[in-house]
Amino acid sequence: MSQNEQDKKQKQKKIQGLYRKTKQQRRENTDYMYDYSGMDDSGDNKIGKIVVSICVVLGIIVIILNAFIKEF
């Protein structure tokens, strides 16, 4: 092989290695972001469920009290 072909192959290997490294780093960064976003969503989700449960219970109580007030 000529010197140009060897240089070309070395450059290609170097570029492929850099590409793989950046691709791996991107994958790790997105995994890292998803881990934290999942934790935040689960906390918000629990708070939302609690608020909805309280509203439903209060709504039922209001309906029952309204029925009793109309009877008397």
Protein backbone atom coordinates (compact mmCIF):
# COMPACT_ATOMS: atom_id res chain seq x y z
CA MET A 1 0.00 0.00 0.00
CA SER A 2 1.11 3.48 -0.63
CA GLN A 3 1.65 6.06 2.09
CA ASN A 4 -1.52 7.94 1.07
CA GLU A 5 -3.69 4.84 1.47
CA GLN A 6 -2.21 4.11 4.90
CA ASP A 7 -2.77 7.71 6.01
CA LYS A 8 -6.32 7.56 4.72
CA LYS A 9 -7.06 4.34 6.65
CA GLN A 10 -5.52 5.75 9.84
CA LYS A 11 -7.64 8.89 9.54
CA GLN A 12 -10.76 6.80 8.96
CA LYS A 13 -10.04 4.67 12.05
CA LYS A 14 -9.40 7.79 14.11
CA ILE A 15 -12.64 9.41 12.95
CA GLN A 16 -14.61 6.21 13.59
CA GLY A 17 -13.17 6.01 17.10
CA LEU A 18 -14.08 9.63 17.83
CA TYR A 19 -17.57 9.07 16.42
CA ARG A 20 -18.08 6.03 18.65
CA LYS A 21 -16.89 7.96 21.70
CA THR A 22 -19.24 10.88 21.06
CA LYS A 23 -22.12 8.49 20.36
CA GLN A 24 -21.45 6.67 23.65
CA GLN A 25 -21.27 9.98 25.55
CA ARG A 26 -24.59 11.10 24.06
CA ARG A 27 -26.17 7.81 25.04
CA GLU A 28 -24.86 8.16 28.60
CA ASN A 29 -26.05 11.77 28.83
CA THR A 30 -29.56 10.93 27.66
CA ASP A 31 -29.76 7.98 30.06
CA TYR A 32 -28.65 10.30 32.86
CA MET A 33 -31.32 12.86 31.97
CA TYR A 34 -34.05 10.22 31.76
CA ASP A 35 -33.16 8.90 35.21
CA TYR A 36 -33.74 12.29 36.83
CA SER A 37 -36.82 13.19 34.81
CA GLY A 38 -38.42 9.89 35.80
CA MET A 39 -37.87 10.63 39.46
CA ASP A 40 -39.40 14.10 39.17
CA ASP A 41 -42.44 12.80 37.31
CA SER A 42 -43.13 10.12 39.87
CA GLY A 43 -43.06 12.69 42.70
CA ASP A 44 -45.41 15.01 40.84
CA ASN A 45 -47.63 12.09 39.99
CA LYS A 46 -48.02 11.10 43.67
CA ILE A 47 -48.89 14.66 44.66
CA GLY A 48 -51.43 14.84 41.84
CA LYS A 49 -53.06 11.60 42.94
CA ILE A 50 -53.35 12.89 46.51
CA VAL A 51 -54.93 16.17 45.39
CA VAL A 52 -57.43 14.37 43.15
CA SER A 53 -58.32 11.95 45.94
CA ILE A 54 -58.97 14.82 48.35
CA CYS A 55 -61.16 16.59 45.79
CA VAL A 56 -63.18 13.44 45.14
CA VAL A 57 -63.75 12.84 48.86
CA LEU A 58 -64.78 16.47 49.39
CA GLY A 59 -67.14 16.26 46.40
CA ILE A 60 -68.82 13.15 47.81
CA ILE A 61 -69.19 14.80 51.21
CA VAL A 62 -70.77 17.90 49.62
CA ILE A 63 -73.25 15.76 47.65
CA ILE A 64 -74.24 13.79 50.77
CA LEU A 65 -74.63 16.94 52.88
CA ASN A 66 -76.64 18.61 50.12
CA ALA A 67 -79.00 15.61 50.03
CA PHE A 68 -79.48 15.74 53.81
CA ILE A 69 -80.14 19.51 53.81
CA LYS A 70 -82.83 19.17 51.13
CA GLU A 71 -84.64 16.46 53.11
CA PHE A 72 -84.89 18.51 56.29
